[in-house]
Amino acid sequence: MAILKVWESPEGRSFEPFSFDTFVRRMKQRIDEGRYEEGDLKGLLRRQENVDLKRMVADVSETYSFLKNLTADERALSADQHKKEGARYEACRDAVREMDAVQEESASTEAKTMSI
């Protein structure tokens, strides 16, 4: 789903093909250059939390590290800067929707079983 969002986003397609390592490097570079507004990020945290940009980058890097291992379809979509891979995008989006439906069905069945 993350790669589908990259494909949909003009920002995601405005640079070279998606690279997780480049993504993390750019975040770190922006910190070093003071390009993040900590006040803007403060609104994303609990009131008692402080902005720790290096920790945030480390957390994002760890949480989204699965993006280092893209499938062939995901690599093709992430490299598609001109939206020529519409059919591939639709197939991937349909696959994500099918997985969501299966997960919802499974959760529903589990909830019914627990209430019995």
N, C-alpha and C. Protein backbone atom coordinates (compact mmCIF):
# COMPACT_ATOMS: atom_id res chain seq x y z
N MET A 1 0.82 -1.17 0.00
CA MET A 1 0.00 0.00 0.00
C MET A 1 0.88 1.26 0.00
N ALA A 2 2.00 1.22 0.69
CA ALA A 2 2.89 2.40 0.74
C ALA A 2 3.37 2.77 -0.66
N ILE A 3 3.70 1.78 -1.47
CA ILE A 3 4.18 2.06 -2.82
C ILE A 3 3.04 2.58 -3.69
N LEU A 4 1.82 2.14 -3.45
CA LEU A 4 0.68 2.69 -4.19
C LEU A 4 0.55 4.18 -3.88
N LYS A 5 0.78 4.56 -2.63
CA LYS A 5 0.72 5.97 -2.25
C LYS A 5 1.85 6.76 -2.92
N VAL A 6 3.04 6.17 -3.03
CA VAL A 6 4.14 6.83 -3.73
C VAL A 6 3.74 7.06 -5.19
N TRP A 7 3.12 6.06 -5.82
CA TRP A 7 2.71 6.16 -7.22
C TRP A 7 1.66 7.25 -7.40
N GLU A 8 0.72 7.36 -6.43
CA GLU A 8 -0.36 8.33 -6.53
C GLU A 8 0.12 9.77 -6.30
N SER A 9 1.16 9.92 -5.52
CA SER A 9 1.61 11.24 -5.09
C SER A 9 2.52 11.90 -6.11
N PRO A 10 2.23 13.16 -6.46
CA PRO A 10 3.15 13.88 -7.36
C PRO A 10 4.55 14.01 -6.74
N GLU A 11 4.61 14.19 -5.42
CA GLU A 11 5.91 14.29 -4.76
C GLU A 11 6.67 12.98 -4.83
N GLY A 12 5.94 11.87 -4.73
CA GLY A 12 6.58 10.56 -4.78
C GLY A 12 7.20 10.26 -6.12
N ARG A 13 6.67 10.86 -7.17
CA ARG A 13 7.18 10.61 -8.51
C ARG A 13 8.07 11.73 -9.03
N SER A 14 8.31 12.74 -8.21
CA SER A 14 9.03 13.90 -8.72
C SER A 14 10.55 13.75 -8.68
N PHE A 15 11.05 12.75 -8.00
CA PHE A 15 12.48 12.53 -7.89
C PHE A 15 12.84 11.26 -8.64
N GLU A 16 14.04 10.77 -8.40
CA GLU A 16 14.42 9.49 -9.01
C GLU A 16 13.53 8.38 -8.44
N PRO A 17 13.54 7.21 -9.04
CA PRO A 17 12.71 6.11 -8.53
C PRO A 17 12.91 5.93 -7.01
N PHE A 18 11.85 5.53 -6.34
CA PHE A 18 11.88 5.39 -4.89
C PHE A 18 13.00 4.48 -4.43
N SER A 19 13.70 4.95 -3.43
CA SER A 19 14.74 4.15 -2.77
C SER A 19 14.60 4.43 -1.28
N PHE A 20 14.41 3.37 -0.51
CA PHE A 20 14.25 3.53 0.93
C PHE A 20 15.49 4.18 1.53
N ASP A 21 16.67 3.74 1.11
CA ASP A 21 17.90 4.30 1.65
C ASP A 21 18.02 5.79 1.33
N THR A 22 17.61 6.19 0.13
CA THR A 22 17.63 7.61 -0.24
C THR A 22 16.63 8.38 0.61
N PHE A 23 15.47 7.80 0.83
CA PHE A 23 14.44 8.41 1.66
C PHE A 23 14.97 8.71 3.07
N VAL A 24 15.61 7.72 3.68
CA VAL A 24 16.16 7.89 5.03
C VAL A 24 17.30 8.91 5.01
N ARG A 25 18.15 8.83 4.00
CA ARG A 25 19.27 9.77 3.89
C ARG A 25 18.74 11.21 3.79
N ARG A 26 17.70 11.41 3.02
CA ARG A 26 17.12 12.75 2.87
C ARG A 26 16.54 13.27 4.19
N MET A 27 15.88 12.38 4.94
CA MET A 27 15.36 12.81 6.24
C MET A 27 16.50 13.26 7.14
N LYS A 28 17.56 12.48 7.20
CA LYS A 28 18.71 12.83 8.04
C LYS A 28 19.35 14.14 7.56
N GLN A 29 19.43 14.31 6.27
CA GLN A 29 20.02 15.53 5.70
C GLN A 29 19.18 16.75 6.07
N ARG A 30 17.87 16.61 6.03
CA ARG A 30 16.99 17.71 6.40
C ARG A 30 17.16 18.10 7.87
N ILE A 31 17.40 17.11 8.72
CA ILE A 31 17.66 17.41 10.14
C ILE A 31 18.95 18.20 10.26
N ASP A 32 19.99 17.70 9.60
CA ASP A 32 21.30 18.38 9.66
C ASP A 32 21.22 19.81 9.14
N GLU A 33 20.37 20.05 8.16
CA GLU A 33 20.23 21.38 7.58
C GLU A 33 19.19 22.24 8.30
N GLY A 34 18.55 21.67 9.33
CA GLY A 34 17.55 22.42 10.08
C GLY A 34 16.29 22.72 9.29
N ARG A 35 15.93 21.82 8.37
CA ARG A 35 14.79 22.07 7.49
C ARG A 35 13.45 21.56 8.02
N TYR A 36 13.45 20.90 9.18
CA TYR A 36 12.19 20.49 9.79
C TYR A 36 11.81 21.54 10.82
N GLU A 37 10.55 21.92 10.82
CA GLU A 37 10.03 22.85 11.82
C GLU A 37 9.54 22.02 12.99
N GLU A 38 10.29 22.06 14.08
CA GLU A 38 9.92 21.25 15.24
C GLU A 38 8.55 21.61 15.77
N GLY A 39 8.17 22.87 15.67
CA GLY A 39 6.84 23.28 16.13
C GLY A 39 5.73 22.60 15.36
N ASP A 40 5.93 22.41 14.07
CA ASP A 40 4.93 21.71 13.25
C ASP A 40 4.82 20.25 13.67
N LEU A 41 5.95 19.65 13.99
CA LEU A 41 5.96 18.24 14.38
C LEU A 41 5.41 18.03 15.78
N LYS A 42 5.50 19.02 16.62
CA LYS A 42 5.03 18.91 18.00
C LYS A 42 3.55 18.54 18.03
N GLY A 43 2.78 19.03 17.06
CA GLY A 43 1.36 18.70 17.01
C GLY A 43 1.07 17.24 16.74
N LEU A 44 2.07 16.49 16.31
CA LEU A 44 1.89 15.07 16.03
C LEU A 44 2.16 14.20 17.26
N LEU A 45 2.64 14.81 18.33
CA LEU A 45 3.04 14.08 19.53
C LEU A 45 2.07 14.31 20.67
N ARG A 46 2.19 13.46 21.69
CA ARG A 46 1.42 13.69 22.92
C ARG A 46 1.94 14.97 23.58
N ARG A 47 1.12 15.58 24.38
CA ARG A 47 1.48 16.87 24.98
C ARG A 47 2.79 16.83 25.76
N GLN A 48 3.03 15.76 26.48
CA GLN A 48 4.21 15.69 27.32
C GLN A 48 5.47 15.28 26.56
N GLU A 49 5.34 14.89 25.30
CA GLU A 49 6.49 14.47 24.51
C GLU A 49 7.18 15.66 23.86
N ASN A 50 8.48 15.53 23.74
CA ASN A 50 9.28 16.53 23.04
C ASN A 50 9.70 15.99 21.68
N VAL A 51 9.95 16.90 20.77
CA VAL A 51 10.40 16.51 19.44
C VAL A 51 11.85 16.06 19.52
N ASP A 52 12.09 14.84 19.07
CA ASP A 52 13.46 14.31 18.98
C ASP A 52 13.60 13.81 17.55
N LEU A 53 14.08 14.70 16.68
CA LEU A 53 14.11 14.41 15.25
C LEU A 53 14.94 13.17 14.94
N LYS A 54 16.07 13.00 15.58
CA LYS A 54 16.90 11.83 15.29
C LYS A 54 16.19 10.54 15.67
N ARG A 55 15.46 10.57 16.79
CA ARG A 55 14.70 9.38 17.19
C ARG A 55 13.57 9.14 16.21
N MET A 56 12.92 10.23 15.75
CA MET A 56 11.82 10.08 14.79
C MET A 56 12.32 9.43 13.50
N VAL A 57 13.45 9.87 13.00
CA VAL A 57 14.02 9.28 11.79
C VAL A 57 14.36 7.82 12.02
N ALA A 58 14.93 7.51 13.18
CA ALA A 58 15.26 6.12 13.50
C ALA A 58 13.99 5.27 13.57
N ASP A 59 12.93 5.81 14.18
CA ASP A 59 11.66 5.07 14.28
C ASP A 59 11.05 4.83 12.90
N VAL A 60 11.03 5.88 12.07
CA VAL A 60 10.48 5.73 10.71
C VAL A 60 11.31 4.73 9.92
N SER A 61 12.62 4.83 10.06
CA SER A 61 13.52 3.93 9.35
C SER A 61 13.27 2.48 9.75
N GLU A 62 13.07 2.24 11.02
CA GLU A 62 12.81 0.87 11.50
C GLU A 62 11.42 0.39 11.10
N THR A 63 10.43 1.24 11.29
CA THR A 63 9.04 0.86 11.02
C THR A 63 8.81 0.54 9.54
N TYR A 64 9.45 1.31 8.67
CA TYR A 64 9.22 1.15 7.24
C TYR A 64 10.37 0.45 6.52
N SER A 65 11.20 -0.26 7.26
CA SER A 65 12.35 -0.94 6.65
C SER A 65 11.92 -2.01 5.65
N PHE A 66 10.67 -2.48 5.75
CA PHE A 66 10.18 -3.45 4.77
C PHE A 66 10.22 -2.88 3.35
N LEU A 67 10.29 -1.55 3.22
CA LEU A 67 10.35 -0.94 1.89
C LEU A 67 11.69 -1.15 1.20
N LYS A 68 12.63 -1.76 1.91
CA LYS A 68 13.90 -2.12 1.27
C LYS A 68 13.72 -3.34 0.37
N ASN A 69 12.69 -4.12 0.62
CA ASN A 69 12.49 -5.40 -0.08
C ASN A 69 11.22 -5.36 -0.94
N LEU A 70 11.24 -4.54 -1.95
CA LEU A 70 10.07 -4.40 -2.82
C LEU A 70 9.95 -5.59 -3.77
N THR A 71 8.71 -5.91 -4.11
CA THR A 71 8.46 -6.92 -5.13
C THR A 71 8.75 -6.30 -6.50
N ALA A 72 8.75 -7.11 -7.53
CA ALA A 72 8.99 -6.61 -8.89
C ALA A 72 7.91 -5.58 -9.27
N ASP A 73 6.65 -5.84 -8.91
CA ASP A 73 5.58 -4.89 -9.21
C ASP A 73 5.78 -3.58 -8.46
N GLU A 74 6.16 -3.67 -7.19
CA GLU A 74 6.38 -2.46 -6.39
C GLU A 74 7.55 -1.65 -6.93
N ARG A 75 8.61 -2.33 -7.35
CA ARG A 75 9.75 -1.61 -7.94
C ARG A 75 9.33 -0.90 -9.22
N ALA A 76 8.54 -1.58 -10.04
CA ALA A 76 8.08 -0.97 -11.29
C ALA A 76 7.21 0.27 -11.01
N LEU A 77 6.31 0.16 -10.04
CA LEU A 77 5.46 1.30 -9.71
C LEU A 77 6.26 2.45 -9.12
N SER A 78 7.21 2.13 -8.26
CA SER A 78 7.98 3.20 -7.62
C SER A 78 8.90 3.90 -8.62
N ALA A 79 9.22 3.24 -9.73
CA ALA A 79 10.07 3.85 -10.76
C ALA A 79 9.25 4.54 -11.85
N ASP A 80 7.94 4.42 -11.79
CA ASP A 80 7.05 4.96 -12.82
C ASP A 80 6.74 6.43 -12.58
N GLN A 81 7.62 7.30 -13.01
CA GLN A 81 7.47 8.73 -12.75
C GLN A 81 6.43 9.39 -13.66
N HIS A 82 5.97 8.70 -14.68
CA HIS A 82 5.03 9.30 -15.63
C HIS A 82 3.68 8.59 -15.68
N LYS A 83 3.43 7.78 -14.66
CA LYS A 83 2.15 7.07 -14.52
C LYS A 83 1.77 6.26 -15.76
N LYS A 84 2.71 5.52 -16.29
CA LYS A 84 2.44 4.65 -17.44
C LYS A 84 2.01 3.25 -17.01
N GLU A 85 2.19 2.94 -15.73
CA GLU A 85 1.90 1.59 -15.22
C GLU A 85 0.52 1.52 -14.57
N GLY A 86 -0.47 2.13 -15.20
CA GLY A 86 -1.82 2.15 -14.63
C GLY A 86 -2.41 0.77 -14.41
N ALA A 87 -2.23 -0.13 -15.36
CA ALA A 87 -2.79 -1.48 -15.21
C ALA A 87 -2.13 -2.21 -14.04
N ARG A 88 -0.82 -2.05 -13.90
CA ARG A 88 -0.10 -2.69 -12.78
C ARG A 88 -0.58 -2.09 -11.46
N TYR A 89 -0.76 -0.77 -11.44
CA TYR A 89 -1.27 -0.08 -10.25
C TYR A 89 -2.64 -0.65 -9.86
N GLU A 90 -3.54 -0.76 -10.83
CA GLU A 90 -4.89 -1.27 -10.56
C GLU A 90 -4.84 -2.69 -10.01
N ALA A 91 -3.97 -3.54 -10.58
CA ALA A 91 -3.85 -4.93 -10.12
C ALA A 91 -3.34 -4.97 -8.68
N CYS A 92 -2.36 -4.15 -8.37
CA CYS A 92 -1.83 -4.11 -7.00
C CYS A 92 -2.86 -3.56 -6.03
N ARG A 93 -3.58 -2.52 -6.44
CA ARG A 93 -4.61 -1.94 -5.58
C ARG A 93 -5.71 -2.96 -5.31
N ASP A 94 -6.11 -3.72 -6.33
CA ASP A 94 -7.12 -4.76 -6.15
C ASP A 94 -6.63 -5.83 -5.18
N ALA A 95 -5.35 -6.19 -5.27
CA ALA A 95 -4.78 -7.19 -4.37
C ALA A 95 -4.80 -6.69 -2.92
N VAL A 96 -4.50 -5.42 -2.72
CA VAL A 96 -4.54 -4.85 -1.37
C VAL A 96 -5.97 -4.86 -0.84
N ARG A 97 -6.92 -4.52 -1.68
CA ARG A 97 -8.33 -4.52 -1.26
C ARG A 97 -8.79 -5.93 -0.90
N GLU A 98 -8.34 -6.93 -1.66
CA GLU A 98 -8.69 -8.31 -1.35
C GLU A 98 -8.10 -8.72 0.00
N MET A 99 -6.86 -8.34 0.26
CA MET A 99 -6.25 -8.67 1.55
C MET A 99 -7.00 -8.00 2.69
N ASP A 100 -7.41 -6.74 2.49
CA ASP A 100 -8.17 -6.03 3.52
C ASP A 100 -9.49 -6.74 3.80
N ALA A 101 -10.17 -7.20 2.75
CA ALA A 101 -11.45 -7.88 2.91
C ALA A 101 -11.26 -9.18 3.69
N VAL A 102 -10.20 -9.92 3.39
CA VAL A 102 -9.92 -11.17 4.11
C VAL A 102 -9.63 -10.89 5.58
N GLN A 103 -8.86 -9.84 5.85
CA GLN A 103 -8.54 -9.48 7.23
C GLN A 103 -9.80 -9.05 7.99
N GLU A 104 -10.67 -8.28 7.34
CA GLU A 104 -11.91 -7.85 7.98
C GLU A 104 -12.80 -9.06 8.27
N GLU A 105 -12.88 -9.97 7.33
CA GLU A 105 -13.67 -11.19 7.53
C GLU A 105 -13.13 -12.00 8.69
N SER A 106 -11.82 -12.14 8.75
CA SER A 106 -11.17 -12.89 9.82
C SER A 106 -11.42 -12.24 11.17
N ALA A 107 -11.31 -10.92 11.24
CA ALA A 107 -11.55 -10.20 12.49
C ALA A 107 -13.00 -10.34 12.92
N SER A 108 -13.92 -10.29 11.97
CA SER A 108 -15.34 -10.43 12.27
C SER A 108 -15.64 -11.82 12.82
N THR A 109 -15.07 -12.83 12.18
CA THR A 109 -15.27 -14.21 12.62
C THR A 109 -14.70 -14.41 14.02
N GLU A 110 -13.53 -13.84 14.26
CA GLU A 110 -12.90 -13.96 15.58
C GLU A 110 -13.74 -13.27 16.65
N ALA A 111 -14.29 -12.11 16.33
CA ALA A 111 -15.13 -11.39 17.29
C ALA A 111 -16.39 -12.18 17.62
N LYS A 112 -16.99 -12.81 16.61
CA LYS A 112 -18.18 -13.63 16.83
C LYS A 112 -17.85 -14.83 17.71
N THR A 113 -16.71 -15.46 17.46
CA THR A 113 -16.29 -16.62 18.23
C THR A 113 -16.06 -16.24 19.68
N MET A 114 -15.47 -15.10 19.93
CA MET A 114 -15.18 -14.66 21.28
C MET A 114 -16.45 -14.30 22.05
N SER A 115 -17.49 -13.88 21.35
CA SER A 115 -18.73 -13.48 22.04
C SER A 115 -19.61 -14.67 22.36
N ILE A 116 -19.27 -15.83 21.85
CA ILE A 116 -20.10 -17.03 22.09
C ILE A 116 -19.80 -17.62 23.43
